[in-house]
């Protein structure tokens, strides 16, 4: 009879929190005056980190993970379209989706 309490229960909060921090950092960087390709690369890493964190956290519920990924991608595409960004910003979303699917 093993105990269900683990000293590593905090890791799940760190994983998702790290993804949220990256998304917040990405929103700050998109408002800064830096190169667009750098913004797109931060978007790639931010989305991948967030979706991988959620996917690892909810690995037992793949339908919910798929729905969350769909919502995150839909919101990202909507916001990029609204800001009238170049094609490589959309490409960064595709790269982050591929990285997430390979990781999970």
C-alpha atoms as a PDB file:
ATOM      1  CA  UNK A   1       0.000   0.000   0.000  1.00  0.00           C
ATOM      2  CA  UNK A   2       1.868   3.014  -1.268  1.00  0.00           C
ATOM      3  CA  UNK A   3       0.950   6.478  -0.164  1.00  0.00           C
ATOM      4  CA  UNK A   4      -0.637   8.731  -2.769  1.00  0.00           C
ATOM      5  CA  UNK A   5       1.117  11.750  -1.282  1.00  0.00           C
ATOM      6  CA  UNK A   6       4.264  12.544  -3.194  1.00  0.00           C
ATOM      7  CA  UNK A   7       6.935  15.114  -2.415  1.00  0.00           C
ATOM      8  CA  UNK A   8       6.745  16.153  -6.093  1.00  0.00           C
ATOM      9  CA  UNK A   9       3.113  17.299  -6.205  1.00  0.00           C
ATOM     10  CA  UNK A  10       4.251  20.893  -6.768  1.00  0.00           C
ATOM     11  CA  UNK A  11       5.711  20.041 -10.185  1.00  0.00           C
ATOM     12  CA  UNK A  12       2.328  20.193 -11.906  1.00  0.00           C
ATOM     13  CA  UNK A  13       1.797  23.771 -10.733  1.00  0.00           C
ATOM     14  CA  UNK A  14       5.303  24.724 -11.847  1.00  0.00           C
ATOM     15  CA  UNK A  15       4.800  23.180 -15.275  1.00  0.00           C
ATOM     16  CA  UNK A  16       1.576  25.024 -16.046  1.00  0.00           C
ATOM     17  CA  UNK A  17       2.752  28.195 -14.305  1.00  0.00           C
ATOM     18  CA  UNK A  18       5.898  28.248 -16.413  1.00  0.00           C
ATOM     19  CA  UNK A  19       3.765  28.041 -19.552  1.00  0.00           C
ATOM     20  CA  UNK A  20       1.553  30.898 -18.366  1.00  0.00           C
ATOM     21  CA  UNK A  21       4.615  33.014 -17.560  1.00  0.00           C
ATOM     22  CA  UNK A  22       5.917  32.424 -21.092  1.00  0.00           C
ATOM     23  CA  UNK A  23       2.571  33.491 -22.567  1.00  0.00           C
ATOM     24  CA  UNK A  24       2.623  36.678 -20.501  1.00  0.00           C
ATOM     25  CA  UNK A  25       6.204  37.339 -21.596  1.00  0.00           C
ATOM     26  CA  UNK A  26       5.144  36.830 -25.202  1.00  0.00           C
ATOM     27  CA  UNK A  27       2.322  39.373 -24.870  1.00  0.00           C
ATOM     28  CA  UNK A  28       4.811  41.891 -23.456  1.00  0.00           C
ATOM     29  CA  UNK A  29       7.302  41.221 -26.248  1.00  0.00           C
ATOM     30  CA  UNK A  30       4.630  41.692 -28.919  1.00  0.00           C
ATOM     31  CA  UNK A  31       4.117  45.223 -27.640  1.00  0.00           C
ATOM     32  CA  UNK A  32       7.854  45.999 -27.703  1.00  0.00           C
ATOM     33  CA  UNK A  33       9.683  47.495 -30.645  1.00  0.00           C
ATOM     34  CA  UNK A  34      11.912  44.601 -31.658  1.00  0.00           C
ATOM     35  CA  UNK A  35      12.331  42.577 -34.819  1.00  0.00           C
ATOM     36  CA  UNK A  36       9.247  40.689 -35.981  1.00  0.00           C
ATOM     37  CA  UNK A  37      11.164  37.454 -36.468  1.00  0.00           C
ATOM     38  CA  UNK A  38      12.200  37.605 -32.805  1.00  0.00           C
ATOM     39  CA  UNK A  39       8.589  38.090 -31.782  1.00  0.00           C
ATOM     40  CA  UNK A  40       7.583  35.079 -33.870  1.00  0.00           C
ATOM     41  CA  UNK A  41      10.275  32.906 -32.310  1.00  0.00           C
ATOM     42  CA  UNK A  42       9.148  33.875 -28.801  1.00  0.00           C
ATOM     43  CA  UNK A  43       5.588  33.050 -29.843  1.00  0.00           C
ATOM     44  CA  UNK A  44       6.719  29.591 -30.932  1.00  0.00           C
ATOM     45  CA  UNK A  45       8.427  28.817 -27.655  1.00  0.00           C
ATOM     46  CA  UNK A  46       5.636  30.347 -25.574  1.00  0.00           C
ATOM     47  CA  UNK A  47       2.843  28.402 -27.221  1.00  0.00           C
ATOM     48  CA  UNK A  48       4.805  25.163 -27.218  1.00  0.00           C
ATOM     49  CA  UNK A  49       5.746  25.525 -23.554  1.00  0.00           C
ATOM     50  CA  UNK A  50       2.168  26.251 -22.528  1.00  0.00           C
ATOM     51  CA  UNK A  51       0.591  23.477 -24.615  1.00  0.00           C
ATOM     52  CA  UNK A  52       3.194  20.913 -23.543  1.00  0.00           C
ATOM     53  CA  UNK A  53       2.682  21.851 -19.899  1.00  0.00           C
ATOM     54  CA  UNK A  54      -1.076  21.430 -20.213  1.00  0.00           C
ATOM     55  CA  UNK A  55      -0.662  18.244 -22.230  1.00  0.00           C
ATOM     56  CA  UNK A  56       1.649  16.621 -19.699  1.00  0.00           C
ATOM     57  CA  UNK A  57      -0.579  17.707 -16.840  1.00  0.00           C
ATOM     58  CA  UNK A  58      -3.727  16.251 -18.444  1.00  0.00           C
ATOM     59  CA  UNK A  59      -2.168  13.270 -20.242  1.00  0.00           C
ATOM     60  CA  UNK A  60      -4.952  10.975 -19.040  1.00  0.00           C
ATOM     61  CA  UNK A  61      -7.589  13.104 -20.806  1.00  0.00           C
ATOM     62  CA  UNK A  62      -6.463  13.478 -24.435  1.00  0.00           C
ATOM     63  CA  UNK A  63      -9.788  14.920 -25.606  1.00  0.00           C
ATOM     64  CA  UNK A  64      -9.517  17.802 -23.155  1.00  0.00           C
ATOM     65  CA  UNK A  65      -5.895  18.374 -24.183  1.00  0.00           C
ATOM     66  CA  UNK A  66      -6.967  18.484 -27.831  1.00  0.00           C
ATOM     67  CA  UNK A  67      -9.734  20.963 -27.074  1.00  0.00           C
ATOM     68  CA  UNK A  68      -7.389  23.205 -25.099  1.00  0.00           C
ATOM     69  CA  UNK A  69      -4.834  23.085 -27.920  1.00  0.00           C
ATOM     70  CA  UNK A  70      -7.552  23.967 -30.431  1.00  0.00           C
ATOM     71  CA  UNK A  71      -8.729  26.922 -28.319  1.00  0.00           C
ATOM     72  CA  UNK A  72      -5.176  28.214 -27.805  1.00  0.00           C
ATOM     73  CA  UNK A  73      -4.411  27.975 -31.517  1.00  0.00           C
ATOM     74  CA  UNK A  74      -7.738  29.574 -32.492  1.00  0.00           C
ATOM     75  CA  UNK A  75      -7.182  32.499 -30.124  1.00  0.00           C
ATOM     76  CA  UNK A  76      -3.606  32.911 -31.380  1.00  0.00           C
ATOM     77  CA  UNK A  77      -4.667  32.939 -35.023  1.00  0.00           C
ATOM     78  CA  UNK A  78      -7.483  35.380 -34.262  1.00  0.00           C
ATOM     79  CA  UNK A  79      -5.159  37.778 -32.438  1.00  0.00           C
ATOM     80  CA  UNK A  80      -2.488  37.583 -35.142  1.00  0.00           C
ATOM     81  CA  UNK A  81      -5.099  38.219 -37.830  1.00  0.00           C
ATOM     82  CA  UNK A  82      -6.449  41.154 -35.867  1.00  0.00           C
ATOM     83  CA  UNK A  83      -2.936  42.624 -35.517  1.00  0.00           C
ATOM     84  CA  UNK A  84      -2.313  42.020 -39.252  1.00  0.00           C
ATOM     85  CA  UNK A  85       0.950  40.125 -38.753  1.00  0.00           C
ATOM     86  CA  UNK A  86       3.116  38.562 -41.446  1.00  0.00           C
ATOM     87  CA  UNK A  87       2.947  34.921 -42.523  1.00  0.00           C
ATOM     88  CA  UNK A  88       5.853  33.759 -40.367  1.00  0.00           C
ATOM     89  CA  UNK A  89       3.881  34.522 -37.212  1.00  0.00           C
ATOM     90  CA  UNK A  90       1.286  31.982 -38.347  1.00  0.00           C
ATOM     91  CA  UNK A  91       4.097  29.602 -39.229  1.00  0.00           C
ATOM     92  CA  UNK A  92       5.340  29.848 -35.655  1.00  0.00           C
ATOM     93  CA  UNK A  93       1.956  28.576 -34.477  1.00  0.00           C
ATOM     94  CA  UNK A  94       2.281  25.582 -36.806  1.00  0.00           C
ATOM     95  CA  UNK A  95       5.797  24.868 -35.547  1.00  0.00           C
ATOM     96  CA  UNK A  96       4.649  25.020 -31.923  1.00  0.00           C
ATOM     97  CA  UNK A  97       1.779  22.633 -32.678  1.00  0.00           C
ATOM     98  CA  UNK A  98       4.137  20.169 -34.350  1.00  0.00           C
ATOM     99  CA  UNK A  99       6.577  20.382 -31.436  1.00  0.00           C
ATOM    100  CA  UNK A 100       3.762  19.806 -28.975  1.00  0.00           C
ATOM    101  CA  UNK A 101       2.390  16.815 -30.847  1.00  0.00           C
ATOM    102  CA  UNK A 102       5.846  15.235 -31.108  1.00  0.00           C
ATOM    103  CA  UNK A 103       6.507  15.821 -27.429  1.00  0.00           C
ATOM    104  CA  UNK A 104       3.219  14.370 -26.289  1.00  0.00           C
END
